[in-house]
Amino acid sequence: MKSLLIRWVISALALYITALVAQMLNIGISVNGAATAFVAVLVLGIVNALIRPLLLLLTLPLNCLTLGLMTFVINGLMFWIASTMVSGFVVKGPFAAIFGSIMMSIISGLANHVVAQGE
């Protein structure tokens, strides 16, 4: 349970950092505070658990044709869907959604790796 909470905090921090970087680059992602980041990460996790596997299965032929690049689009779509469900979490456009999903994956992956090394 402790590990789950730590990863939730890391993901919320990764989302907040992603929003800050996106605002500096004027990309169109914003998060209105820490509470919104925590709720957005929770919704993103639920969306990824329920909808993403079905979309990956349905787009498998296209994903094979694009050598896996379609996965970036699906991840961006999940990021955008989560933003439509959480007020205070705004993603403007498909490029912002794909950028946000990639940045958040990189940041949370690195942070989770660092935390796992310390355990």
N, C-alpha and C. Protein backbone atom coordinates (compact mmCIF):
# COMPACT_ATOMS: atom_id res chain seq x y z
N MET A 1 0.83 -1.19 0.00
CA MET A 1 0.00 0.00 0.00
C MET A 1 0.87 1.25 0.00
N LYS A 2 1.96 1.21 0.75
CA LYS A 2 2.86 2.35 0.82
C LYS A 2 3.47 2.64 -0.55
N SER A 3 3.83 1.59 -1.27
CA SER A 3 4.41 1.73 -2.60
C SER A 3 3.43 2.36 -3.57
N LEU A 4 2.16 1.98 -3.47
CA LEU A 4 1.12 2.54 -4.33
C LEU A 4 0.97 4.05 -4.08
N LEU A 5 0.98 4.43 -2.83
CA LEU A 5 0.86 5.86 -2.49
C LEU A 5 2.08 6.66 -2.97
N ILE A 6 3.25 6.06 -2.84
CA ILE A 6 4.47 6.73 -3.30
C ILE A 6 4.41 6.93 -4.81
N ARG A 7 3.98 5.93 -5.53
CA ARG A 7 3.89 6.05 -6.99
C ARG A 7 2.80 7.04 -7.40
N TRP A 8 1.73 7.13 -6.62
CA TRP A 8 0.68 8.11 -6.89
C TRP A 8 1.22 9.53 -6.72
N VAL A 9 1.98 9.75 -5.67
CA VAL A 9 2.60 11.06 -5.44
C VAL A 9 3.59 11.38 -6.55
N ILE A 10 4.39 10.41 -6.94
CA ILE A 10 5.36 10.62 -8.02
C ILE A 10 4.65 10.97 -9.33
N SER A 11 3.57 10.27 -9.63
CA SER A 11 2.83 10.55 -10.87
C SER A 11 2.18 11.93 -10.82
N ALA A 12 1.65 12.32 -9.67
CA ALA A 12 1.06 13.65 -9.55
C ALA A 12 2.13 14.72 -9.72
N LEU A 13 3.29 14.50 -9.15
CA LEU A 13 4.40 15.44 -9.31
C LEU A 13 4.85 15.49 -10.76
N ALA A 14 4.89 14.34 -11.42
CA ALA A 14 5.26 14.29 -12.84
C ALA A 14 4.26 15.05 -13.69
N LEU A 15 2.98 14.93 -13.37
CA LEU A 15 1.96 15.68 -14.11
C LEU A 15 2.12 17.17 -13.90
N TYR A 16 2.40 17.57 -12.67
CA TYR A 16 2.58 18.98 -12.36
C TYR A 16 3.82 19.54 -13.08
N ILE A 17 4.90 18.80 -13.09
CA ILE A 17 6.12 19.23 -13.79
C ILE A 17 5.86 19.29 -15.30
N THR A 18 5.12 18.32 -15.82
CA THR A 18 4.77 18.32 -17.24
C THR A 18 3.97 19.57 -17.59
N ALA A 19 3.04 19.94 -16.74
CA ALA A 19 2.25 21.14 -16.98
C ALA A 19 3.13 22.40 -16.93
N LEU A 20 4.08 22.44 -16.00
CA LEU A 20 4.98 23.60 -15.93
C LEU A 20 5.85 23.71 -17.18
N VAL A 21 6.40 22.59 -17.63
CA VAL A 21 7.22 22.59 -18.84
C VAL A 21 6.37 22.99 -20.05
N ALA A 22 5.16 22.47 -20.13
CA ALA A 22 4.27 22.79 -21.24
C ALA A 22 3.90 24.28 -21.24
N GLN A 23 3.72 24.85 -20.07
CA GLN A 23 3.42 26.29 -20.00
C GLN A 23 4.62 27.11 -20.42
N MET A 24 5.83 26.68 -20.06
CA MET A 24 7.03 27.41 -20.49
C MET A 24 7.19 27.35 -22.00
N LEU A 25 6.81 26.21 -22.60
CA LEU A 25 6.92 26.04 -24.04
C LEU A 25 5.66 26.48 -24.78
N ASN A 26 4.66 26.96 -24.03
CA ASN A 26 3.39 27.43 -24.57
C ASN A 26 2.70 26.34 -25.39
N ILE A 27 2.57 25.16 -24.81
CA ILE A 27 2.00 24.02 -25.51
C ILE A 27 0.51 23.84 -25.21
N GLY A 28 0.03 24.17 -24.06
CA GLY A 28 -1.40 24.09 -23.81
C GLY A 28 -1.84 23.03 -22.84
N ILE A 29 -1.06 22.82 -21.80
CA ILE A 29 -1.44 21.91 -20.71
C ILE A 29 -1.37 22.71 -19.43
N SER A 30 -2.42 22.63 -18.62
CA SER A 30 -2.39 23.32 -17.34
C SER A 30 -3.07 22.47 -16.27
N VAL A 31 -2.55 22.61 -15.06
CA VAL A 31 -3.09 21.92 -13.88
C VAL A 31 -3.25 22.99 -12.81
N ASN A 32 -4.45 23.09 -12.24
CA ASN A 32 -4.74 24.11 -11.24
C ASN A 32 -4.47 23.63 -9.82
N GLY A 33 -3.23 23.29 -9.52
CA GLY A 33 -2.87 22.94 -8.16
C GLY A 33 -2.62 21.47 -7.93
N ALA A 34 -2.16 21.18 -6.72
CA ALA A 34 -1.76 19.82 -6.36
C ALA A 34 -2.95 18.89 -6.25
N ALA A 35 -4.05 19.36 -5.70
CA ALA A 35 -5.23 18.50 -5.55
C ALA A 35 -5.74 18.06 -6.92
N THR A 36 -5.75 18.98 -7.86
CA THR A 36 -6.17 18.64 -9.22
C THR A 36 -5.23 17.62 -9.84
N ALA A 37 -3.93 17.76 -9.59
CA ALA A 37 -2.96 16.80 -10.12
C ALA A 37 -3.20 15.40 -9.55
N PHE A 38 -3.50 15.30 -8.27
CA PHE A 38 -3.76 14.00 -7.66
C PHE A 38 -5.01 13.35 -8.24
N VAL A 39 -6.07 14.15 -8.41
CA VAL A 39 -7.31 13.61 -8.98
C VAL A 39 -7.09 13.23 -10.44
N ALA A 40 -6.36 14.05 -11.18
CA ALA A 40 -6.11 13.77 -12.60
C ALA A 40 -5.31 12.49 -12.77
N VAL A 41 -4.34 12.26 -11.91
CA VAL A 41 -3.54 11.03 -11.99
C VAL A 41 -4.40 9.82 -11.65
N LEU A 42 -5.28 9.96 -10.69
CA LEU A 42 -6.19 8.86 -10.35
C LEU A 42 -7.10 8.53 -11.54
N VAL A 43 -7.68 9.56 -12.15
CA VAL A 43 -8.55 9.35 -13.32
C VAL A 43 -7.74 8.78 -14.49
N LEU A 44 -6.54 9.28 -14.69
CA LEU A 44 -5.69 8.78 -15.76
C LEU A 44 -5.37 7.29 -15.56
N GLY A 45 -5.13 6.89 -14.34
CA GLY A 45 -4.89 5.48 -14.05
C GLY A 45 -6.10 4.61 -14.34
N ILE A 46 -7.28 5.10 -14.00
CA ILE A 46 -8.51 4.35 -14.26
C ILE A 46 -8.76 4.26 -15.76
N VAL A 47 -8.58 5.37 -16.47
CA VAL A 47 -8.78 5.38 -17.93
C VAL A 47 -7.79 4.44 -18.59
N ASN A 48 -6.53 4.47 -18.15
CA ASN A 48 -5.52 3.58 -18.72
C ASN A 48 -5.83 2.11 -18.44
N ALA A 49 -6.42 1.83 -17.31
CA ALA A 49 -6.73 0.43 -16.96
C ALA A 49 -7.96 -0.09 -17.70
N LEU A 50 -8.93 0.77 -17.98
CA LEU A 50 -10.18 0.31 -18.56
C LEU A 50 -10.26 0.48 -20.08
N ILE A 51 -9.83 1.61 -20.60
CA ILE A 51 -10.04 1.93 -22.01
C ILE A 51 -8.83 1.60 -22.87
N ARG A 52 -7.63 1.85 -22.38
CA ARG A 52 -6.41 1.69 -23.18
C ARG A 52 -6.21 0.27 -23.73
N PRO A 53 -6.43 -0.79 -22.94
CA PRO A 53 -6.24 -2.13 -23.51
C PRO A 53 -7.17 -2.42 -24.69
N LEU A 54 -8.40 -1.96 -24.59
CA LEU A 54 -9.35 -2.16 -25.69
C LEU A 54 -8.92 -1.40 -26.94
N LEU A 55 -8.49 -0.16 -26.77
CA LEU A 55 -8.02 0.63 -27.92
C LEU A 55 -6.76 0.03 -28.54
N LEU A 56 -5.86 -0.45 -27.71
CA LEU A 56 -4.66 -1.09 -28.25
C LEU A 56 -5.00 -2.33 -29.06
N LEU A 57 -5.97 -3.09 -28.60
CA LEU A 57 -6.39 -4.28 -29.32
C LEU A 57 -7.06 -3.91 -30.65
N LEU A 58 -7.93 -2.91 -30.62
CA LEU A 58 -8.65 -2.51 -31.82
C LEU A 58 -7.73 -1.88 -32.87
N THR A 59 -6.68 -1.23 -32.43
CA THR A 59 -5.77 -0.57 -33.37
C THR A 59 -4.51 -1.37 -33.63
N LEU A 60 -4.52 -2.64 -33.27
CA LEU A 60 -3.33 -3.47 -33.43
C LEU A 60 -2.81 -3.52 -34.87
N PRO A 61 -3.68 -3.69 -35.88
CA PRO A 61 -3.14 -3.69 -37.25
C PRO A 61 -2.48 -2.36 -37.64
N LEU A 62 -3.11 -1.25 -37.25
CA LEU A 62 -2.54 0.06 -37.54
C LEU A 62 -1.25 0.28 -36.74
N ASN A 63 -1.23 -0.25 -35.53
CA ASN A 63 -0.03 -0.14 -34.71
C ASN A 63 1.13 -0.92 -35.32
N CYS A 64 0.83 -2.07 -35.89
CA CYS A 64 1.87 -2.85 -36.57
C CYS A 64 2.37 -2.13 -37.83
N LEU A 65 1.45 -1.53 -38.57
CA LEU A 65 1.83 -0.79 -39.78
C LEU A 65 2.72 0.41 -39.47
N THR A 66 2.46 1.06 -38.36
CA THR A 66 3.24 2.25 -37.99
C THR A 66 4.42 1.91 -37.09
N LEU A 67 4.69 0.62 -36.94
CA LEU A 67 5.81 0.16 -36.10
C LEU A 67 5.72 0.67 -34.66
N GLY A 68 4.51 0.72 -34.14
CA GLY A 68 4.30 1.09 -32.75
C GLY A 68 4.06 2.57 -32.49
N LEU A 69 4.15 3.40 -33.52
CA LEU A 69 3.97 4.84 -33.30
C LEU A 69 2.52 5.19 -32.94
N MET A 70 1.59 4.34 -33.31
CA MET A 70 0.18 4.57 -32.97
C MET A 70 -0.02 4.56 -31.45
N THR A 71 0.86 3.90 -30.74
CA THR A 71 0.78 3.86 -29.28
C THR A 71 0.90 5.26 -28.69
N PHE A 72 1.74 6.11 -29.29
CA PHE A 72 1.85 7.50 -28.82
C PHE A 72 0.52 8.22 -28.96
N VAL A 73 -0.17 7.98 -30.05
CA VAL A 73 -1.47 8.61 -30.27
C VAL A 73 -2.49 8.11 -29.25
N ILE A 74 -2.48 6.82 -28.98
CA ILE A 74 -3.41 6.25 -28.00
C ILE A 74 -3.11 6.78 -26.61
N ASN A 75 -1.83 6.87 -26.24
CA ASN A 75 -1.48 7.44 -24.94
C ASN A 75 -1.92 8.90 -24.84
N GLY A 76 -1.74 9.65 -25.92
CA GLY A 76 -2.21 11.03 -25.94
C GLY A 76 -3.72 11.12 -25.80
N LEU A 77 -4.42 10.19 -26.43
CA LEU A 77 -5.88 10.16 -26.32
C LEU A 77 -6.30 9.88 -24.88
N MET A 78 -5.62 8.97 -24.21
CA MET A 78 -5.93 8.68 -22.80
C MET A 78 -5.68 9.92 -21.93
N PHE A 79 -4.60 10.62 -22.23
CA PHE A 79 -4.26 11.86 -21.50
C PHE A 79 -5.37 12.89 -21.70
N TRP A 80 -5.85 13.02 -22.94
CA TRP A 80 -6.90 13.99 -23.25
C TRP A 80 -8.22 13.58 -22.60
N ILE A 81 -8.56 12.29 -22.64
CA ILE A 81 -9.80 11.82 -22.01
C ILE A 81 -9.79 12.13 -20.52
N ALA A 82 -8.67 11.91 -19.87
CA ALA A 82 -8.57 12.22 -18.43
C ALA A 82 -8.77 13.72 -18.19
N SER A 83 -8.27 14.55 -19.11
CA SER A 83 -8.43 16.00 -18.93
C SER A 83 -9.88 16.43 -19.10
N THR A 84 -10.66 15.71 -19.89
CA THR A 84 -12.07 16.07 -20.04
C THR A 84 -12.89 15.69 -18.81
N MET A 85 -12.37 14.77 -17.99
CA MET A 85 -13.10 14.31 -16.81
C MET A 85 -12.75 15.08 -15.55
N VAL A 86 -11.65 15.81 -15.56
CA VAL A 86 -11.19 16.51 -14.36
C VAL A 86 -11.19 18.01 -14.63
N SER A 87 -11.98 18.75 -13.87
CA SER A 87 -11.96 20.20 -14.03
C SER A 87 -10.68 20.73 -13.39
N GLY A 88 -10.07 21.68 -14.06
CA GLY A 88 -8.80 22.22 -13.59
C GLY A 88 -7.60 21.58 -14.27
N PHE A 89 -7.82 20.53 -15.03
CA PHE A 89 -6.77 19.88 -15.81
C PHE A 89 -7.16 20.07 -17.27
N VAL A 90 -6.39 20.89 -17.98
CA VAL A 90 -6.74 21.29 -19.34
C VAL A 90 -5.65 20.84 -20.31
N VAL A 91 -6.06 20.18 -21.38
CA VAL A 91 -5.17 19.80 -22.47
C VAL A 91 -5.79 20.34 -23.75
N LYS A 92 -5.06 21.23 -24.43
CA LYS A 92 -5.59 21.88 -25.63
C LYS A 92 -4.96 21.29 -26.88
N GLY A 93 -5.67 20.38 -27.52
CA GLY A 93 -5.23 19.85 -28.79
C GLY A 93 -4.49 18.54 -28.72
N PRO A 94 -4.39 17.87 -29.88
CA PRO A 94 -3.75 16.55 -29.93
C PRO A 94 -2.24 16.61 -29.71
N PHE A 95 -1.56 17.66 -30.20
CA PHE A 95 -0.13 17.75 -29.98
C PHE A 95 0.18 17.91 -28.50
N ALA A 96 -0.61 18.71 -27.81
CA ALA A 96 -0.42 18.89 -26.37
C ALA A 96 -0.64 17.58 -25.63
N ALA A 97 -1.64 16.81 -26.05
CA ALA A 97 -1.94 15.53 -25.38
C ALA A 97 -0.79 14.54 -25.58
N ILE A 98 -0.28 14.45 -26.79
CA ILE A 98 0.82 13.52 -27.05
C ILE A 98 2.08 13.97 -26.33
N PHE A 99 2.37 15.29 -26.37
CA PHE A 99 3.52 15.83 -25.65
C PHE A 99 3.39 15.54 -24.16
N GLY A 100 2.21 15.78 -23.60
CA GLY A 100 1.99 15.57 -22.17
C GLY A 100 2.16 14.12 -21.77
N SER A 101 1.65 13.21 -22.58
CA SER A 101 1.78 11.79 -22.23
C SER A 101 3.23 11.33 -22.30
N ILE A 102 3.97 11.83 -23.28
CA ILE A 102 5.38 11.46 -23.39
C ILE A 102 6.19 12.03 -22.23
N MET A 103 6.00 13.33 -21.95
CA MET A 103 6.74 13.97 -20.85
C MET A 103 6.42 13.31 -19.51
N MET A 104 5.15 13.05 -19.27
CA MET A 104 4.77 12.45 -18.00
C MET A 104 5.35 11.04 -17.87
N SER A 105 5.37 10.29 -18.95
CA SER A 105 5.96 8.95 -18.92
C SER A 105 7.44 9.00 -18.60
N ILE A 106 8.15 9.92 -19.22
CA ILE A 106 9.59 10.05 -18.97
C ILE A 106 9.86 10.44 -17.53
N ILE A 107 9.18 11.48 -17.06
CA ILE A 107 9.43 12.00 -15.71
C ILE A 107 9.06 10.96 -14.65
N SER A 108 7.85 10.38 -14.77
CA SER A 108 7.45 9.42 -13.74
C SER A 108 8.27 8.13 -13.82
N GLY A 109 8.68 7.74 -15.03
CA GLY A 109 9.53 6.57 -15.16
C GLY A 109 10.87 6.75 -14.48
N LEU A 110 11.49 7.91 -14.70
CA LEU A 110 12.77 8.20 -14.06
C LEU A 110 12.63 8.28 -12.54
N ALA A 111 11.59 8.95 -12.09
CA ALA A 111 11.38 9.08 -10.64
C ALA A 111 11.09 7.73 -9.99
N ASN A 112 10.28 6.92 -10.64
CA ASN A 112 9.99 5.58 -10.10
C ASN A 112 11.24 4.72 -10.06
N HIS A 113 12.11 4.88 -11.06
CA HIS A 113 13.36 4.13 -11.08
C HIS A 113 14.25 4.54 -9.90
N VAL A 114 14.32 5.84 -9.64
CA VAL A 114 15.13 6.33 -8.51
C VAL A 114 14.58 5.82 -7.19
N VAL A 115 13.26 5.85 -7.05
CA VAL A 115 12.64 5.38 -5.80
C VAL A 115 12.86 3.87 -5.66
N ALA A 116 12.76 3.12 -6.74
CA ALA A 116 12.95 1.67 -6.67
C ALA A 116 14.39 1.32 -6.30
N GLN A 117 15.35 2.14 -6.72
CA GLN A 117 16.76 1.90 -6.35
C GLN A 117 16.97 2.09 -4.86
N GLY A 118 16.19 2.99 -4.25
CA GLY A 118 16.34 3.27 -2.82
C GLY A 118 15.69 2.23 -1.93
N GLU A 119 14.84 1.39 -2.47
CA GLU A 119 14.13 0.40 -1.64
C GLU A 119 14.96 -0.82 -1.38
